[in-house]
Amino acid sequence: MPKTTPIICVAENGIDAANISAAQKAWARNNDFSGQSGKLLALPDVDGNIEAHLFGLGPDANRSALILGLAASALPAGLYRLEGSFGDPTLAALGFRLGAYGFDRYSKSKERPVLELPEGAEAQEIENLVNSVFIARDLVNIPANDLGPDAFEVWIADFAKAHGAAINVVRGDDLLEQNFPMIHAVGRASDQAPRLVDFSWGDQAHPKLTLVGKGVTFDTGGLNIKPGSSMALMKKDMGGAANVLGLANAIMAAGLKVRLRVLIPVVENSIAGNAFRPGDVLPSRKGLTVEIGNTDAEGRLILADALALADEEDPDLVIDMATLTGAARVALGPDLPPVYARDEAFAKTLVEHGMAVDDPLWPMPLWNGYDKLLSSKIADVNHISTGGLAGSITAALFLNRFVKPETEWMHFDIFAWAPEARPGRPYGGTDQGIRALFGVLKTRYGQ
């Protein structure tokens, strides 16, 4: 049997109560360890070998549910177990597992620390959420040269088939024939055709849950070309699709009682002679004409056609996720995605659950007073607001026009990137909203 090294969890200023020897307590004090949040300290035995690690949980009132992810990211490979008072065993183990994530596709694979599940932890729930989160992170981290529209379609098709889902793809000029003109317009300048990937899973008699994810595999900004500093991370512009696929995995693996449909418009927003232009007026599946204010606001165009399709079968709930606006980051930063929802009570439940499991979201208003900012003198609507104010809200209001008023719909404007490591979230492509949504959907629909 391999040796299992204890991780002794200590609340801030709780070193006196820790179940360690007097000599080890003296060692902790001499190394300025008092249980500070996220601090890790190796404890030597009498021979100088590492006997255990102390890990600080910080003050109880501010304890992060996933704080043990910081331990996992700092520890060497090995087998560990938790001791002390670490709160909910499922969240503690989940935090550790999520913090041990590493993206090794292009570098030598590194061994990660492994945690022995603490008593009372829900092993199946942890495994499902870890797998689902890692799907989203891996997809966001893969660069566009290896995950363009063709490769992304293949990945989604393999994923759908592995779950026994039925899949259909509308590709290239067939998008025009089947009335997805805005998906076609955004992606037609790429040498890889635009497409709409559509798969369904579950019992047709169950409530219809539809997920829509923005799948822009790379965004140059189109003719409104981004500066280099803004283009550097645009491999992550399919982060909405990645997170939708992670959520879909959690739903299908858990067997929620839904008829799940997933719609991913997959495009690359490129520059060529046939690229769509500022000032163009595009038709849409909904029948609305859309004036193009800026080709770098392409995500809402492809989502609009996909949302219109989703709405046609009168679903019980439609959820879309997209790396949609810089305005959301200005308002709430990279860690706190806004959620726009027609059902405010459901949104409140979602936000509360997200905070409890350390998957934070923040409610934002579908403020109809700003709808006039999307006015156009020559079309039914402009797809961006005049003046640049309230950019995340007006983007949500644009999408709002493509979903019938009676449909329950939620929109998530996510970042899908961790610019610095925090508990349970190493640097790089990240999940946002998967665990919060899965928790409330499981309660709503059952397994």
Protein backbone atom coordinates (compact mmCIF):
# COMPACT_ATOMS: atom_id res chain seq x y z
CA MET A 1 0.00 0.00 0.00
CA PRO A 2 1.35 3.47 -0.88
CA LYS A 3 1.85 5.86 1.99
CA THR A 4 -1.04 8.26 2.61
CA THR A 5 0.10 11.66 3.85
CA PRO A 6 -2.33 13.59 6.07
CA ILE A 7 -3.41 17.13 5.23
CA ILE A 8 -4.40 18.56 8.60
CA CYS A 9 -6.92 21.37 8.08
CA VAL A 10 -6.68 24.25 10.52
CA ALA A 11 -8.97 27.27 10.85
CA GLU A 12 -7.27 30.63 11.30
CA ASN A 13 -5.86 30.99 14.83
CA GLY A 14 -6.78 27.36 15.45
CA ILE A 15 -3.30 25.92 15.77
CA ASP A 16 -3.74 25.29 19.52
CA ALA A 17 -6.72 23.04 18.82
CA ALA A 18 -4.99 21.07 16.06
CA ASN A 19 -4.36 17.37 16.72
CA ILE A 20 -0.57 17.58 16.45
CA SER A 21 2.29 17.38 18.92
CA ALA A 22 3.57 20.30 20.98
CA ALA A 23 6.79 20.26 18.93
CA GLN A 24 4.81 20.49 15.70
CA LYS A 25 2.75 23.37 17.07
CA ALA A 26 6.00 25.15 17.90
CA TRP A 27 7.23 24.43 14.36
CA ALA A 28 4.04 25.95 12.94
CA ARG A 29 4.38 29.09 15.04
CA ASN A 30 8.05 29.47 14.17
CA ASN A 31 7.05 29.28 10.49
CA ASP A 32 4.33 31.91 10.96
CA PHE A 33 1.53 29.42 10.37
CA SER A 34 -1.72 30.18 12.18
CA GLY A 35 -4.24 28.69 9.73
CA GLN A 36 -4.18 31.55 7.24
CA SER A 37 -6.38 30.95 4.21
CA GLY A 38 -4.62 28.76 1.64
CA LYS A 39 -1.30 28.50 3.49
CA LEU A 40 0.43 25.11 3.33
CA LEU A 41 3.18 24.01 5.70
CA ALA A 42 5.02 20.68 5.71
CA LEU A 43 5.40 19.03 9.12
CA PRO A 44 8.63 17.06 9.61
CA ASP A 45 8.97 13.95 11.73
CA VAL A 46 11.92 13.33 14.07
CA ASP A 47 14.07 12.18 11.13
CA GLY A 48 13.33 15.26 9.05
CA ASN A 49 10.97 13.50 6.64
CA ILE A 50 7.56 14.99 5.81
CA GLU A 51 5.02 13.41 8.14
CA ALA A 52 2.02 15.60 7.26
CA HIS A 53 1.01 18.98 5.91
CA LEU A 54 -0.85 21.74 7.71
CA PHE A 55 -3.32 23.63 5.56
CA GLY A 56 -4.99 26.89 6.52
CA LEU A 57 -8.70 27.30 5.95
CA GLY A 58 -8.81 30.94 7.07
CA PRO A 59 -11.64 32.43 9.15
CA ASP A 60 -14.80 30.30 9.09
CA ALA A 61 -16.96 33.19 7.92
CA ASN A 62 -14.88 33.67 4.79
CA ARG A 63 -13.99 30.06 4.04
CA SER A 64 -14.12 29.22 0.36
CA ALA A 65 -15.95 25.98 -0.37
CA LEU A 66 -13.16 25.00 -2.74
CA ILE A 67 -10.24 26.27 -0.65
CA LEU A 68 -8.56 22.85 -0.69
CA GLY A 69 -7.93 23.34 -4.38
CA LEU A 70 -5.02 25.56 -3.34
CA ALA A 71 -3.49 22.64 -1.47
CA ALA A 72 -3.80 20.39 -4.50
CA SER A 73 -2.11 22.92 -6.77
CA ALA A 74 0.84 23.25 -4.37
CA LEU A 75 1.41 19.64 -3.30
CA PRO A 76 3.70 17.18 -5.11
CA ALA A 77 2.36 13.95 -6.56
CA GLY A 78 1.32 11.44 -3.93
CA LEU A 79 -1.65 10.06 -2.03
CA TYR A 80 -3.23 12.28 0.61
CA ARG A 81 -6.07 12.21 3.13
CA LEU A 82 -7.88 15.00 4.96
CA GLU A 83 -7.87 15.42 8.72
CA GLY A 84 -9.22 18.10 11.01
CA SER A 85 -12.37 20.16 10.45
CA PHE A 86 -12.74 20.81 6.73
CA GLY A 87 -16.49 21.31 6.35
CA ASP A 88 -18.64 19.50 3.82
CA PRO A 89 -16.66 16.41 2.71
CA THR A 90 -18.04 16.46 -0.83
CA LEU A 91 -17.11 20.11 -1.40
CA ALA A 92 -13.72 19.64 0.25
CA ALA A 93 -12.87 16.65 -1.96
CA LEU A 94 -14.30 18.38 -5.04
CA GLY A 95 -12.19 21.46 -4.37
CA PHE A 96 -9.06 19.33 -4.08
CA ARG A 97 -9.80 17.47 -7.32
CA LEU A 98 -10.57 20.67 -9.23
CA GLY A 99 -7.41 22.31 -7.92
CA ALA A 100 -5.33 19.38 -9.15
CA TYR A 101 -6.35 20.05 -12.77
CA GLY A 102 -3.56 20.50 -15.28
CA PHE A 103 -3.60 20.96 -19.05
CA ASP A 104 -0.85 18.67 -20.35
CA ARG A 105 -1.76 18.25 -24.01
CA TYR A 106 1.32 20.09 -25.27
CA SER A 107 3.81 19.43 -22.50
CA LYS A 108 5.15 16.50 -20.57
CA SER A 109 2.41 15.02 -18.44
CA LYS A 110 2.87 15.84 -14.77
CA GLU A 111 1.72 13.52 -12.02
CA ARG A 112 -0.91 15.10 -9.79
CA PRO A 113 -1.71 14.64 -6.12
CA VAL A 114 -4.51 12.17 -5.41
CA LEU A 115 -6.96 12.48 -2.53
CA GLU A 116 -8.42 9.59 -0.61
CA LEU A 117 -12.11 10.45 -0.39
CA PRO A 118 -13.10 11.54 3.11
CA GLU A 119 -15.92 9.71 4.86
CA GLY A 120 -19.31 10.99 3.76
CA ALA A 121 -18.16 12.38 0.41
CA GLU A 122 -20.46 11.63 -2.55
CA ALA A 123 -18.07 9.84 -4.87
CA GLN A 124 -20.39 9.67 -7.87
CA GLU A 125 -21.30 13.36 -7.65
CA ILE A 126 -17.64 14.35 -7.36
CA GLU A 127 -16.59 12.21 -10.31
CA ASN A 128 -19.40 13.57 -12.49
CA LEU A 129 -18.67 17.22 -11.69
CA VAL A 130 -14.90 16.82 -12.05
CA ASN A 131 -15.27 15.17 -15.46
CA SER A 132 -17.76 17.81 -16.59
CA VAL A 133 -15.62 20.73 -15.43
CA PHE A 134 -12.49 19.26 -17.03
CA ILE A 135 -14.32 18.95 -20.37
CA ALA A 136 -14.96 22.69 -20.34
CA ARG A 137 -11.43 23.58 -19.23
CA ASP A 138 -9.71 21.32 -21.75
CA LEU A 139 -11.78 22.62 -24.66
CA VAL A 140 -11.10 26.26 -23.81
CA ASN A 141 -7.37 25.60 -23.41
CA ILE A 142 -6.94 23.93 -26.82
CA PRO A 143 -5.69 26.52 -29.35
CA ALA A 144 -7.62 27.25 -32.52
CA ASN A 145 -5.14 25.48 -34.81
CA ASP A 146 -6.22 22.21 -33.16
CA LEU A 147 -9.85 23.13 -32.46
CA GLY A 148 -11.18 24.94 -35.50
CA PRO A 149 -14.76 24.40 -36.70
CA ASP A 150 -13.96 21.04 -38.35
CA ALA A 151 -12.21 19.58 -35.31
CA PHE A 152 -14.78 21.00 -32.90
CA GLU A 153 -17.60 19.37 -34.84
CA VAL A 154 -15.80 16.01 -34.70
CA TRP A 155 -15.28 16.40 -30.94
CA ILE A 156 -18.95 17.22 -30.34
CA ALA A 157 -20.11 14.36 -32.57
CA ASP A 158 -17.94 11.85 -30.68
CA PHE A 159 -19.18 13.25 -27.37
CA ALA A 160 -22.83 13.03 -28.40
CA LYS A 161 -22.48 9.49 -29.70
CA ALA A 162 -20.71 8.40 -26.50
CA HIS A 163 -23.83 9.47 -24.60
CA GLY A 164 -26.22 7.86 -27.08
CA ALA A 165 -27.50 11.23 -28.31
CA ALA A 166 -28.91 11.80 -31.79
CA ILE A 167 -26.95 14.42 -33.71
CA ASN A 168 -27.57 16.57 -36.77
CA VAL A 169 -25.20 19.09 -38.39
CA VAL A 170 -26.14 21.86 -40.83
CA ARG A 171 -22.99 23.03 -42.58
CA GLY A 172 -21.85 25.65 -45.10
CA ASP A 173 -24.38 26.90 -47.66
CA ASP A 174 -26.97 24.49 -46.25
CA LEU A 175 -27.27 27.05 -43.44
CA LEU A 176 -28.81 29.44 -45.96
CA GLU A 177 -31.14 26.80 -47.37
CA GLN A 178 -32.31 25.87 -43.85
CA ASN A 179 -32.66 29.49 -42.71
CA PHE A 180 -29.69 30.19 -40.47
CA PRO A 181 -28.44 33.28 -42.32
CA MET A 182 -26.58 34.97 -39.47
CA ILE A 183 -24.58 31.87 -38.53
CA HIS A 184 -23.59 31.63 -42.21
CA ALA A 185 -22.68 35.32 -42.49
CA VAL A 186 -20.40 35.31 -39.43
CA GLY A 187 -18.49 32.19 -40.44
CA ARG A 188 -18.36 32.35 -44.23
CA ALA A 189 -14.98 34.15 -44.44
CA SER A 190 -13.15 31.22 -42.82
CA ASP A 191 -11.68 28.37 -44.88
CA GLN A 192 -13.58 26.06 -42.50
CA ALA A 193 -17.31 26.28 -43.10
CA PRO A 194 -19.69 27.58 -40.43
CA ARG A 195 -22.10 25.04 -39.02
CA LEU A 196 -24.84 24.41 -36.47
CA VAL A 197 -24.37 21.27 -34.38
CA ASP A 198 -27.62 20.00 -32.86
CA PHE A 199 -27.93 16.93 -30.64
CA SER A 200 -30.70 15.54 -28.43
CA TRP A 201 -30.77 13.07 -25.55
CA GLY A 202 -33.34 11.69 -23.15
CA ASP A 203 -36.98 10.75 -22.97
CA GLN A 204 -39.21 12.78 -25.30
CA ALA A 205 -41.92 12.75 -22.62
CA HIS A 206 -39.72 14.63 -20.13
CA PRO A 207 -39.53 18.45 -19.91
CA LYS A 208 -37.58 20.01 -22.77
CA LEU A 209 -34.34 21.62 -21.62
CA THR A 210 -32.31 23.31 -24.35
CA LEU A 211 -28.73 24.54 -23.97
CA VAL A 212 -27.21 26.93 -26.50
CA GLY A 213 -23.47 27.67 -26.53
CA LYS A 214 -21.46 30.23 -28.47
CA GLY A 215 -18.91 28.26 -30.49
CA VAL A 216 -16.60 30.87 -32.04
CA THR A 217 -13.39 28.86 -32.28
CA PHE A 218 -11.36 32.01 -32.94
CA ASP A 219 -12.36 35.66 -33.20
CA THR A 220 -10.22 38.09 -35.16
CA GLY A 221 -12.94 40.69 -34.77
CA GLY A 222 -13.65 40.38 -38.48
CA LEU A 223 -13.27 43.59 -40.48
CA ASN A 224 -13.43 45.49 -37.18
CA ILE A 225 -10.19 43.68 -36.42
CA LYS A 226 -9.06 43.37 -32.83
CA PRO A 227 -5.65 44.70 -31.75
CA GLY A 228 -3.12 41.99 -30.97
CA SER A 229 -3.50 42.35 -27.22
CA SER A 230 -7.24 41.69 -27.49
CA MET A 231 -6.84 38.82 -29.95
CA ALA A 232 -4.33 36.82 -27.93
CA LEU A 233 -6.90 34.90 -25.88
CA MET A 234 -9.52 34.48 -28.60
CA LYS A 235 -9.10 30.71 -28.64
CA LYS A 236 -11.42 30.97 -25.62
CA ASP A 237 -14.27 32.54 -27.61
CA MET A 238 -15.90 29.12 -27.74
CA GLY A 239 -15.97 29.09 -23.94
CA GLY A 240 -19.76 29.28 -23.91
CA ALA A 241 -19.98 26.12 -25.99
CA ALA A 242 -17.33 24.44 -23.83
CA ASN A 243 -19.27 25.17 -20.65
CA VAL A 244 -22.55 24.09 -22.23
CA LEU A 245 -20.93 20.78 -23.17
CA GLY A 246 -19.59 20.36 -19.64
CA LEU A 247 -23.08 21.00 -18.25
CA ALA A 248 -24.60 18.61 -20.79
CA ASN A 249 -22.15 15.93 -19.68
CA ALA A 250 -23.19 16.39 -16.04
CA ILE A 251 -26.88 16.20 -16.95
CA MET A 252 -26.55 13.09 -19.09
CA ALA A 253 -24.16 11.26 -16.75
CA ALA A 254 -26.53 11.87 -13.83
CA GLY A 255 -29.57 10.84 -15.87
CA LEU A 256 -31.65 13.94 -15.13
CA LYS A 257 -35.28 13.58 -16.16
CA VAL A 258 -35.17 15.94 -19.14
CA ARG A 259 -35.28 15.77 -22.89
CA LEU A 260 -31.99 17.58 -23.43
CA ARG A 261 -31.21 19.45 -26.63
CA VAL A 262 -27.85 21.11 -27.24
CA LEU A 263 -27.33 23.68 -30.00
CA ILE A 264 -23.80 24.84 -30.80
CA PRO A 265 -23.30 27.29 -33.69
CA VAL A 266 -19.65 26.73 -34.62
CA VAL A 267 -17.80 29.38 -36.63
CA GLU A 268 -14.49 31.16 -36.99
CA ASN A 269 -14.82 34.93 -37.35
CA SER A 270 -12.18 35.53 -40.01
CA ILE A 271 -11.24 38.17 -42.56
CA ALA A 272 -11.56 37.63 -46.30
CA GLY A 273 -13.19 39.24 -49.32
CA ASN A 274 -16.54 37.69 -48.45
CA ALA A 275 -16.52 38.72 -44.78
CA PHE A 276 -19.63 40.45 -43.48
CA ARG A 277 -19.19 44.20 -42.99
CA PRO A 278 -20.14 47.00 -40.62
CA GLY A 279 -23.31 48.53 -42.02
CA ASP A 280 -24.57 45.31 -43.61
CA VAL A 281 -28.16 44.34 -42.94
CA LEU A 282 -28.64 40.62 -42.32
CA PRO A 283 -31.82 38.57 -42.31
CA SER A 284 -32.32 36.26 -39.35
CA ARG A 285 -34.14 33.01 -38.68
CA LYS A 286 -36.61 34.92 -36.51
CA GLY A 287 -37.52 37.15 -39.46
CA LEU A 288 -36.01 40.29 -37.96
CA THR A 289 -33.56 42.31 -40.04
CA VAL A 290 -30.33 43.14 -38.22
CA GLU A 291 -28.02 46.07 -38.96
CA ILE A 292 -24.38 45.28 -38.23
CA GLY A 293 -22.82 47.91 -36.01
CA ASN A 294 -19.50 46.12 -35.48
CA THR A 295 -18.26 42.77 -36.80
CA ASP A 296 -16.49 42.12 -33.49
CA ALA A 297 -19.88 41.57 -31.87
CA GLU A 298 -20.44 38.37 -33.81
CA GLY A 299 -21.36 36.03 -30.98
CA ARG A 300 -24.84 37.43 -30.45
CA LEU A 301 -25.61 36.98 -34.15
CA ILE A 302 -24.95 33.24 -34.20
CA LEU A 303 -26.70 32.82 -30.85
CA ALA A 304 -29.77 34.65 -32.16
CA ASP A 305 -30.32 32.16 -34.98
CA ALA A 306 -29.74 29.21 -32.61
CA LEU A 307 -32.08 30.66 -29.96
CA ALA A 308 -34.79 31.18 -32.55
CA LEU A 309 -34.51 27.49 -33.49
CA ALA A 310 -34.56 26.43 -29.83
CA ASP A 311 -37.71 28.43 -29.23
CA GLU A 312 -39.65 26.83 -32.07
CA GLU A 313 -40.44 23.65 -30.12
CA ASP A 314 -41.75 25.48 -27.02
CA PRO A 315 -39.09 24.25 -24.57
CA ASP A 316 -39.57 24.20 -20.81
CA LEU A 317 -36.32 26.10 -20.30
CA VAL A 318 -33.66 27.60 -22.58
CA ILE A 319 -30.18 28.42 -21.25
CA ASP A 320 -27.46 30.05 -23.33
CA MET A 321 -23.84 30.59 -22.36
CA ALA A 322 -21.41 32.83 -24.20
CA THR A 323 -18.16 34.74 -23.85
CA LEU A 324 -20.14 37.68 -25.13
CA THR A 325 -19.03 41.10 -23.90
CA GLY A 326 -16.06 42.91 -22.46
CA ALA A 327 -18.62 45.10 -20.70
CA ALA A 328 -19.47 42.20 -18.38
CA ARG A 329 -15.83 41.99 -17.34
CA VAL A 330 -15.66 45.75 -16.73
CA ALA A 331 -18.75 45.56 -14.54
CA LEU A 332 -18.08 42.36 -12.61
CA GLY A 333 -14.51 41.26 -13.36
CA PRO A 334 -13.35 37.85 -14.59
CA ASP A 335 -14.62 35.75 -11.66
CA LEU A 336 -18.28 36.78 -11.47
CA PRO A 337 -20.39 36.13 -14.58
CA PRO A 338 -23.69 37.99 -14.95
CA VAL A 339 -26.87 36.00 -15.41
CA TYR A 340 -29.95 37.44 -17.09
CA ALA A 341 -33.20 35.59 -16.41
CA ARG A 342 -36.88 36.13 -17.06
CA ASP A 343 -37.77 34.07 -13.97
CA GLU A 344 -36.24 36.13 -11.18
CA ALA A 345 -37.13 33.62 -8.47
CA PHE A 346 -35.31 30.84 -10.29
CA ALA A 347 -32.34 33.15 -10.85
CA LYS A 348 -32.27 33.95 -7.12
CA THR A 349 -32.19 30.25 -6.28
CA LEU A 350 -29.41 29.72 -8.81
CA VAL A 351 -27.27 32.57 -7.48
CA GLU A 352 -27.69 31.38 -3.89
CA HIS A 353 -26.70 27.84 -4.79
CA GLY A 354 -23.74 29.11 -6.82
CA MET A 355 -22.45 31.08 -3.84
CA ALA A 356 -22.86 28.05 -1.56
CA VAL A 357 -20.76 25.80 -3.82
CA ASP A 358 -18.23 28.48 -4.79
CA ASP A 359 -19.45 28.79 -8.40
CA PRO A 360 -20.47 32.46 -8.21
CA LEU A 361 -22.93 34.21 -10.50
CA TRP A 362 -24.56 37.61 -10.25
CA PRO A 363 -28.08 38.66 -11.39
CA MET A 364 -28.34 41.47 -13.93
CA PRO A 365 -31.50 43.12 -15.27
CA LEU A 366 -33.12 42.77 -18.67
CA TRP A 367 -33.70 46.51 -18.43
CA ASN A 368 -36.22 47.37 -21.13
CA GLY A 369 -35.42 51.05 -20.85
CA TYR A 370 -32.17 50.36 -22.71
CA ASP A 371 -33.85 48.54 -25.58
CA LYS A 372 -34.04 51.81 -27.52
CA LEU A 373 -30.23 51.83 -27.66
CA LEU A 374 -30.50 49.01 -30.22
CA SER A 375 -32.59 51.07 -32.65
CA SER A 376 -31.71 51.18 -36.34
CA LYS A 377 -32.83 53.67 -38.98
CA ILE A 378 -32.80 51.06 -41.75
CA ALA A 379 -33.48 47.68 -40.09
CA ASP A 380 -35.58 46.17 -37.32
CA VAL A 381 -32.67 46.28 -34.89
CA ASN A 382 -28.98 47.13 -34.63
CA HIS A 383 -27.04 44.36 -32.96
CA ILE A 384 -24.95 46.73 -30.80
CA SER A 385 -25.94 49.74 -28.76
CA THR A 386 -25.12 53.32 -29.66
CA GLY A 387 -22.62 54.98 -27.36
CA GLY A 388 -21.23 51.81 -25.80
CA LEU A 389 -23.09 52.14 -22.51
CA ALA A 390 -24.62 49.12 -20.69
CA GLY A 391 -22.96 46.78 -23.19
CA SER A 392 -23.69 43.50 -21.43
CA ILE A 393 -27.33 44.46 -20.80
CA THR A 394 -27.94 45.56 -24.38
CA ALA A 395 -26.35 42.35 -25.67
CA ALA A 396 -28.81 40.40 -23.51
CA LEU A 397 -31.67 42.59 -24.75
CA PHE A 398 -30.68 41.84 -28.34
CA LEU A 399 -30.87 38.11 -27.66
CA ASN A 400 -34.14 38.65 -25.79
CA ARG A 401 -35.80 39.62 -29.09
CA PHE A 402 -35.17 36.17 -30.53
CA VAL A 403 -36.96 34.21 -27.79
CA LYS A 404 -40.75 34.36 -27.39
CA PRO A 405 -41.82 36.35 -24.29
CA GLU A 406 -43.53 33.32 -22.76
CA THR A 407 -40.43 31.10 -22.96
CA GLU A 408 -38.38 30.71 -19.78
CA TRP A 409 -34.88 31.79 -20.83
CA MET A 410 -31.58 32.49 -19.08
CA HIS A 411 -28.45 34.08 -20.55
CA PHE A 412 -24.94 33.77 -19.06
CA ASP A 413 -22.24 36.23 -20.18
CA ILE A 414 -19.18 34.29 -19.02
CA PHE A 415 -15.42 34.89 -19.29
CA ALA A 416 -14.32 31.20 -19.29
CA TRP A 417 -10.79 32.14 -18.27
CA ALA A 418 -8.94 32.36 -14.97
CA PRO A 419 -6.29 35.08 -15.37
CA GLU A 420 -4.81 34.01 -12.04
CA ALA A 421 -5.21 30.88 -9.95
CA ARG A 422 -7.78 30.83 -7.16
CA PRO A 423 -9.28 28.02 -5.07
CA GLY A 424 -10.27 25.12 -7.32
CA ARG A 425 -9.48 27.09 -10.49
CA PRO A 426 -5.92 26.98 -11.83
CA TYR A 427 -4.81 29.55 -14.38
CA GLY A 428 -6.28 29.16 -17.87
CA GLY A 429 -9.52 27.99 -19.40
CA THR A 430 -12.15 27.57 -16.75
CA ASP A 431 -15.69 26.52 -15.98
CA GLN A 432 -18.30 29.05 -14.93
CA GLY A 433 -21.84 28.17 -13.97
CA ILE A 434 -21.67 24.41 -14.59
CA ARG A 435 -21.83 23.35 -10.95
CA ALA A 436 -24.34 26.03 -9.96
CA LEU A 437 -26.67 25.15 -12.82
CA PHE A 438 -26.34 21.40 -12.36
CA GLY A 439 -27.28 21.69 -8.69
CA VAL A 440 -30.50 23.61 -9.34
CA LEU A 441 -31.44 21.58 -12.43
CA LYS A 442 -31.02 18.36 -10.45
CA THR A 443 -33.42 19.73 -7.83
CA ARG A 444 -35.86 20.97 -10.45
CA TYR A 445 -36.00 17.88 -12.65
CA GLY A 446 -34.74 14.99 -10.51
CA GLN A 447 -32.57 12.04 -11.47
